[in-house]
Protein backbone atom coordinates (compact mmCIF):
# COMPACT_ATOMS: atom_id res chain seq x y z
CA MET A 1 -9.47 3.51 -0.90
CA SER A 2 -8.70 0.29 -2.74
CA ALA A 3 -9.82 -1.94 0.13
CA SER A 4 -13.41 -0.71 -0.04
CA SER A 5 -13.82 -2.14 -3.55
CA ASN A 6 -14.31 -5.61 -2.04
CA ALA A 7 -16.98 -4.54 0.45
CA GLY A 8 -20.01 -6.78 0.20
CA LYS A 9 -17.99 -9.88 -0.76
CA LYS A 10 -18.41 -12.62 1.83
CA GLN A 11 -15.46 -14.75 2.96
CA ARG A 12 -14.94 -17.61 5.38
CA ILE A 13 -14.33 -16.25 8.85
CA ASP A 14 -11.23 -18.42 9.34
CA LYS A 15 -9.72 -16.88 6.20
CA VAL A 16 -10.55 -13.37 7.40
CA LEU A 17 -9.07 -13.91 10.86
CA SER A 18 -5.94 -15.69 9.64
CA HIS A 19 -5.34 -12.83 7.19
CA MET A 20 -5.41 -10.45 10.15
CA GLY A 21 -2.84 -12.52 12.04
CA ILE A 22 -5.25 -13.85 14.68
CA GLY A 23 -3.85 -17.35 14.21
CA SER A 24 -3.68 -20.30 11.85
CA ARG A 25 -6.91 -21.76 10.52
CA SER A 26 -6.61 -24.62 13.01
CA ASP A 27 -6.16 -22.08 15.82
CA ILE A 28 -9.26 -20.26 14.68
CA ARG A 29 -11.24 -23.49 14.45
CA LYS A 30 -10.40 -24.19 18.10
CA GLN A 31 -11.36 -20.64 19.14
CA ALA A 32 -14.68 -21.02 17.33
CA LYS A 33 -15.46 -24.30 19.09
CA GLN A 34 -14.64 -22.60 22.41
CA GLY A 35 -17.26 -19.94 21.66
CA LEU A 36 -14.67 -17.14 21.52
CA ILE A 37 -15.74 -15.76 18.12
CA THR A 38 -18.84 -13.62 17.65
CA VAL A 39 -20.32 -11.98 14.56
CA ASN A 40 -22.69 -9.08 15.19
CA GLY A 41 -23.01 -10.23 18.79
CA THR A 42 -23.84 -13.86 17.97
CA VAL A 43 -21.44 -16.69 18.83
CA VAL A 44 -20.19 -18.48 15.71
CA LYS A 45 -18.81 -21.97 16.26
CA ASP A 46 -18.37 -22.84 12.59
CA SER A 47 -15.00 -21.57 11.35
CA GLY A 48 -16.33 -21.86 7.78
CA PHE A 49 -19.10 -19.34 8.50
CA HIS A 50 -19.18 -16.60 5.82
CA VAL A 51 -18.96 -12.93 6.78
CA ASP A 52 -18.59 -9.55 5.12
CA PRO A 53 -15.43 -8.38 6.89
CA TYR A 54 -16.10 -4.73 6.04
CA LYS A 55 -19.67 -4.66 7.39
CA ASP A 56 -19.99 -7.35 10.05
CA LEU A 57 -18.81 -6.73 13.61
CA ILE A 58 -16.33 -9.52 14.30
CA GLU A 59 -14.94 -10.10 17.79
CA VAL A 60 -12.48 -12.66 19.11
CA GLY A 61 -12.33 -13.05 22.87
CA GLY A 62 -14.23 -9.78 23.23
CA GLU A 63 -11.73 -7.85 21.09
CA VAL A 64 -13.03 -6.22 17.90
CA VAL A 65 -11.20 -7.28 14.73
CA ARG A 66 -10.93 -4.41 12.24
CA TYR A 67 -10.41 -6.04 8.87
CA ARG A 68 -8.40 -4.60 6.01
CA GLU A 69 -7.14 -6.22 2.87
CA PHE A 70 -4.24 -3.93 2.05
CA VAL A 71 -1.35 -2.39 3.93
CA TYR A 72 0.61 0.69 2.82
CA LEU A 73 4.01 1.24 4.40
CA MET A 74 6.61 4.00 4.20
CA MET A 75 10.14 2.80 4.89
CA ASN A 76 13.28 4.85 5.35
CA LYS A 77 15.47 2.30 3.62
CA PRO A 78 19.00 1.93 4.99
CA ALA A 79 22.08 1.12 2.92
CA GLY A 80 23.11 -2.50 2.57
CA VAL A 81 19.59 -3.91 2.25
CA LEU A 82 18.03 -5.09 -1.01
CA SER A 83 14.71 -3.81 -2.36
CA ALA A 84 13.51 -7.34 -2.99
CA THR A 85 11.18 -9.90 -1.47
CA GLU A 86 13.89 -12.54 -1.01
CA ASP A 87 17.58 -13.11 -1.52
CA LYS A 88 19.85 -16.02 -0.64
CA ARG A 89 22.79 -13.88 0.48
CA ASP A 90 21.68 -10.42 1.58
CA ARG A 91 18.99 -9.05 3.84
CA THR A 92 15.97 -7.59 2.10
CA VAL A 93 13.62 -4.80 3.14
CA LEU A 94 11.07 -7.46 4.12
CA ASP A 95 13.47 -8.64 6.83
CA LEU A 96 13.05 -5.22 8.49
CA LEU A 97 9.26 -5.43 8.81
CA LYS A 98 7.37 -5.99 12.04
CA PRO A 99 5.39 -9.27 12.14
CA GLU A 100 2.05 -7.44 12.04
CA HIS A 101 3.08 -5.85 8.73
CA ALA A 102 4.86 -8.89 7.29
CA LEU A 103 1.72 -11.03 7.54
CA PHE A 104 0.17 -8.92 4.75
CA GLU A 105 3.01 -10.05 2.44
CA PRO A 106 3.81 -6.57 1.08
CA PHE A 107 6.38 -5.99 -1.65
CA PRO A 108 8.51 -2.95 -2.51
CA VAL A 109 7.04 -0.60 -5.10
CA GLY A 110 10.01 -0.18 -7.39
CA ARG A 111 13.60 -0.54 -6.28
CA LEU A 112 16.31 1.43 -4.61
CA ASP A 113 19.90 0.30 -5.14
CA LYS A 114 21.52 -1.61 -2.29
CA ASP A 115 23.54 1.44 -1.22
CA THR A 116 20.72 3.96 -1.78
CA VAL A 117 18.69 5.15 1.22
CA GLY A 118 15.39 6.90 1.74
CA LEU A 119 11.77 6.62 0.75
CA LEU A 120 10.53 3.18 -0.20
CA LEU A 121 6.85 2.30 -0.43
CA LEU A 122 5.76 -1.25 0.37
CA THR A 123 2.25 -2.57 -0.19
CA ASN A 124 0.28 -5.64 -1.19
CA ASP A 125 -2.01 -3.48 -3.35
CA GLY A 126 -0.94 -4.57 -6.82
CA LYS A 127 -3.23 -2.13 -8.61
CA LEU A 128 -1.75 0.91 -6.88
CA ALA A 129 1.78 -0.40 -7.39
CA HIS A 130 1.10 -0.78 -11.11
CA GLU A 131 -0.25 2.77 -11.33
CA LEU A 132 2.84 4.19 -9.63
CA LEU A 133 5.35 2.13 -11.63
CA SER A 134 3.78 2.25 -15.09
CA PRO A 135 6.20 3.98 -17.49
CA ARG A 136 3.22 5.76 -19.07
CA LYS A 137 2.40 7.54 -15.81
CA HIS A 138 5.73 9.37 -15.42
CA VAL A 139 5.36 9.58 -11.64
CA PRO A 140 8.09 12.00 -10.46
CA LYS A 141 10.72 10.79 -8.00
CA THR A 142 13.05 13.21 -6.24
CA TYR A 143 16.51 12.36 -4.93
CA GLU A 144 19.14 14.21 -2.96
CA ALA A 145 22.73 13.27 -3.71
CA THR A 146 26.35 13.97 -2.94
CA VAL A 147 28.37 14.14 -6.14
CA GLU A 148 32.14 14.18 -6.71
CA GLY A 149 32.76 17.05 -9.11
CA ASP A 150 31.59 20.58 -9.73
CA VAL A 151 27.95 20.32 -10.79
CA ASP A 152 27.22 23.53 -12.67
CA ALA A 153 24.70 25.34 -14.84
CA ALA A 154 25.77 23.36 -17.90
CA ASP A 155 24.78 20.14 -16.10
CA VAL A 156 21.43 21.65 -15.10
CA GLU A 157 20.80 22.51 -18.76
CA ALA A 158 21.93 19.07 -19.97
CA PHE A 159 19.67 17.26 -17.53
CA ALA A 160 16.74 19.49 -18.53
CA LYS A 161 17.17 18.33 -22.13
CA GLY A 162 17.89 14.68 -21.27
CA VAL A 163 21.33 13.08 -21.24
CA GLU A 164 22.61 10.15 -23.26
CA LEU A 165 23.62 7.18 -21.13
CA GLU A 166 26.46 4.81 -21.96
CA ASP A 167 24.11 2.41 -23.77
CA GLY A 168 22.79 5.15 -26.06
CA TYR A 169 19.50 5.70 -24.24
CA VAL A 170 18.53 9.36 -23.88
CA THR A 171 16.75 10.08 -20.61
CA LEU A 172 13.59 12.08 -20.32
CA PRO A 173 14.07 15.71 -19.19
CA ALA A 174 14.98 15.91 -15.49
CA GLN A 175 15.05 18.79 -13.02
CA LEU A 176 18.47 19.26 -11.43
CA SER A 177 19.03 21.79 -8.63
CA ILE A 178 22.36 22.62 -6.99
CA LEU A 179 21.99 22.77 -3.20
CA GLY A 180 25.59 23.61 -2.33
CA ARG A 181 29.30 22.86 -2.84
CA GLU A 182 32.43 22.17 -0.85
CA ARG A 183 35.72 23.05 -2.49
CA GLY A 184 38.95 21.37 -1.42
CA SER A 185 41.32 18.89 -3.04
CA LYS A 186 38.11 17.62 -4.63
CA THR A 187 34.94 19.59 -5.26
CA ILE A 188 31.87 18.01 -3.73
CA SER A 189 28.42 19.08 -4.92
CA TYR A 190 25.10 18.60 -3.15
CA ILE A 191 22.13 18.34 -5.49
CA SER A 192 18.45 17.59 -5.80
CA LEU A 193 17.22 15.72 -8.88
CA THR A 194 13.68 14.91 -10.00
CA ILE A 195 13.24 12.24 -12.67
CA THR A 196 10.07 10.77 -14.17
CA GLU A 197 11.35 7.33 -15.13
CA GLY A 198 13.25 4.57 -13.40
CA LYS A 199 16.00 3.03 -15.50
CA PHE A 200 18.57 0.77 -13.82
CA HIS A 201 21.00 2.88 -11.71
CA GLN A 202 19.61 5.89 -13.58
CA VAL A 203 20.72 8.75 -11.31
CA LYS A 204 24.27 7.40 -11.05
CA ARG A 205 24.46 6.81 -14.80
CA MET A 206 23.18 10.31 -15.57
CA PHE A 207 26.02 11.84 -13.60
CA ILE A 208 28.56 9.48 -15.13
CA ALA A 209 27.34 10.77 -18.49
CA VAL A 210 28.46 14.29 -17.52
CA GLY A 211 31.76 13.11 -16.01
CA LYS A 212 30.81 13.02 -12.33
CA LYS A 213 30.25 10.37 -9.65
CA VAL A 214 27.43 9.97 -7.14
CA THR A 215 28.79 8.96 -3.71
CA PHE A 216 25.56 9.19 -1.70
CA LEU A 217 21.99 8.91 -2.89
CA LYS A 218 18.72 9.35 -1.00
CA ARG A 219 15.17 9.30 -2.35
CA VAL A 220 13.04 11.95 -0.64
CA SER A 221 9.75 11.80 -2.53
CA MET A 222 7.62 9.70 -4.88
CA GLY A 223 4.77 11.52 -6.53
CA GLU A 224 3.34 13.80 -3.85
CA LEU A 225 4.45 11.47 -1.03
CA LYS A 226 7.43 12.82 0.91
CA LEU A 227 9.77 10.91 3.20
CA ASP A 228 9.00 11.40 6.88
CA GLU A 229 12.40 12.68 8.00
CA SER A 230 11.63 11.70 11.61
CA LEU A 231 11.53 8.05 10.55
CA PRO A 232 14.83 6.37 11.56
CA LEU A 233 16.83 4.46 8.96
CA GLY A 234 15.49 0.93 8.72
CA ALA A 235 12.14 1.83 10.28
CA CYS A 236 8.76 1.89 8.61
CA ARG A 237 5.25 2.98 9.44
CA GLU A 238 1.85 2.82 7.84
CA LEU A 239 0.81 5.70 5.62
CA THR A 240 -1.72 8.09 7.03
CA ASP A 241 -5.03 8.43 5.18
CA ALA A 242 -3.83 11.81 3.87
CA GLU A 243 -0.57 10.33 2.56
CA LEU A 244 -2.39 7.47 0.86
CA ALA A 245 -4.76 9.97 -0.76
CA LEU A 246 -1.72 11.75 -2.21
CA LEU A 247 -0.64 8.56 -3.92
CA THR A 248 -4.03 7.51 -5.21
CA GLY A 249 -4.70 11.07 -6.36
CA GLU A 250 -1.35 11.17 -8.17
CA ALA A 251 -2.11 7.89 -9.93
CA GLY A 252 -5.58 9.04 -10.91
CA GLU A 253 -4.39 12.35 -12.36
CA SER A 254 -1.64 10.64 -14.35
CA ALA A 255 -4.15 8.41 -16.09
CA VAL A 256 -5.99 11.39 -17.64
């Protein structure tokens, strides 16, 4: 994983412990003077003492501190929240994080529109984020949507070729599948769409281009990572090792 790349680099113990949310540097200095911090079984009273956080056994008050540099979070983004790190008017996805995750200062990998729900990855691993977002990588993203209008085979064919948006841009080929329809005064279509780029409001604009309107949009996968459907709206959890391997594997394959 990315975190292991820094193994062997020594850091001040107060920096390591503050990064892990143990306390401020002044708090840690006090704990050190009180003899509460040990490294490999030896009491360390100097908060500037250098350690290898990946190799040394660090304990505070008898509790082992397991260091990590990066955090990888899956969020089931709700509607009405911005995929941003800050905003003066609206809540952002960072406002939904637990304190133990917020202290890592993660950021959203890409954006979902304010009214779009579903899978959002947050991390402080800039290298992985770059790999997933780079236009050259063409990491696939799959959405499920409710669309006003009768999505038909002609739309499937048009999306497979790429559609021209209102600004003249022609999208890359996309895979559109029709999941179902409801016919009444208005026909409602339920679809799945996989795209390999991320233009502004792209899914909505693609359907506008074929005379239809998206009324509900949910992202269900990014690369090989799939949304945990048991995750409530607004909740997030850390990726499992297997899920993280899917992302790093996806990024590695795309670079070939």
